[in-house]
């Protein structure tokens, strides 16, 4: 709950109030990326690391679209 609230506040400050779709996309991908940072860095499909890399790519694509 606190993590979600923090992410919502950061998104509001950086992207503005109208960024509801951005906020939802980040809310699903950000935890996967954090879990990947704490896992063994082996790129094998269906591992935490692999899912985190995919989430990271989606986040970067989303942010590039906003810039």
Protein backbone atom coordinates (compact mmCIF):
# COMPACT_ATOMS: atom_id res chain seq x y z
CA UNK A 1 0.00 0.00 0.00
CA UNK A 2 2.76 2.45 0.91
CA UNK A 3 4.73 1.55 -2.22
CA UNK A 4 1.70 2.17 -4.41
CA UNK A 5 1.00 5.50 -2.73
CA UNK A 6 4.62 6.56 -3.21
CA UNK A 7 4.51 5.59 -6.88
CA UNK A 8 1.24 7.52 -7.32
CA UNK A 9 2.75 10.64 -5.77
CA UNK A 10 5.89 10.43 -7.89
CA UNK A 11 3.84 9.98 -11.07
CA UNK A 12 1.64 12.94 -10.17
CA UNK A 13 4.65 15.18 -9.58
CA UNK A 14 6.61 14.09 -12.65
CA UNK A 15 3.88 13.40 -15.22
CA UNK A 16 0.97 15.48 -13.92
CA UNK A 17 -2.50 14.57 -12.75
CA UNK A 18 -3.74 13.39 -16.15
CA UNK A 19 -1.22 10.55 -16.30
CA UNK A 20 -3.58 7.82 -15.06
CA UNK A 21 -2.68 5.35 -17.82
CA UNK A 22 1.04 5.95 -17.24
CA UNK A 23 0.57 5.40 -13.53
CA UNK A 24 -1.22 2.07 -14.08
CA UNK A 25 1.44 0.82 -16.50
CA UNK A 26 4.22 1.73 -14.09
CA UNK A 27 2.35 0.18 -11.16
CA UNK A 28 2.40 -3.22 -12.87
CA UNK A 29 5.93 -3.11 -14.30
CA UNK A 30 7.87 -1.37 -11.55
CA UNK A 31 7.55 -4.15 -8.91
CA UNK A 32 8.69 -6.75 -11.46
CA UNK A 33 11.73 -4.63 -12.22
CA UNK A 34 12.57 -4.25 -8.53
CA UNK A 35 12.25 -8.01 -7.93
CA UNK A 36 14.58 -8.58 -10.90
CA UNK A 37 17.19 -6.30 -9.38
CA UNK A 38 17.26 -8.56 -6.33
CA UNK A 39 17.45 -11.83 -8.28
CA UNK A 40 20.26 -13.84 -9.84
CA UNK A 41 21.13 -12.19 -13.18
CA UNK A 42 20.55 -15.13 -15.52
CA UNK A 43 18.50 -14.41 -18.62
CA UNK A 44 16.41 -17.57 -18.89
CA UNK A 45 12.74 -17.26 -19.88
CA UNK A 46 10.20 -17.22 -17.03
CA UNK A 47 12.75 -16.23 -14.37
CA UNK A 48 12.40 -13.11 -12.24
CA UNK A 49 15.35 -11.57 -14.03
CA UNK A 50 13.86 -12.17 -17.47
CA UNK A 51 10.48 -10.77 -16.42
CA UNK A 52 12.25 -7.76 -14.94
CA UNK A 53 14.13 -7.10 -18.17
CA UNK A 54 10.86 -7.20 -20.07
CA UNK A 55 9.26 -4.82 -17.57
CA UNK A 56 12.25 -2.49 -17.86
CA UNK A 57 11.91 -2.41 -21.64
CA UNK A 58 8.21 -1.60 -21.37
CA UNK A 59 8.92 1.21 -18.88
CA UNK A 60 11.62 2.70 -21.12
CA UNK A 61 9.28 2.53 -24.14
CA UNK A 62 6.53 4.24 -22.14
CA UNK A 63 8.85 7.02 -20.96
CA UNK A 64 10.25 7.56 -24.46
CA UNK A 65 6.69 8.04 -25.68
CA UNK A 66 6.14 10.76 -23.10
CA UNK A 67 9.35 12.66 -23.89
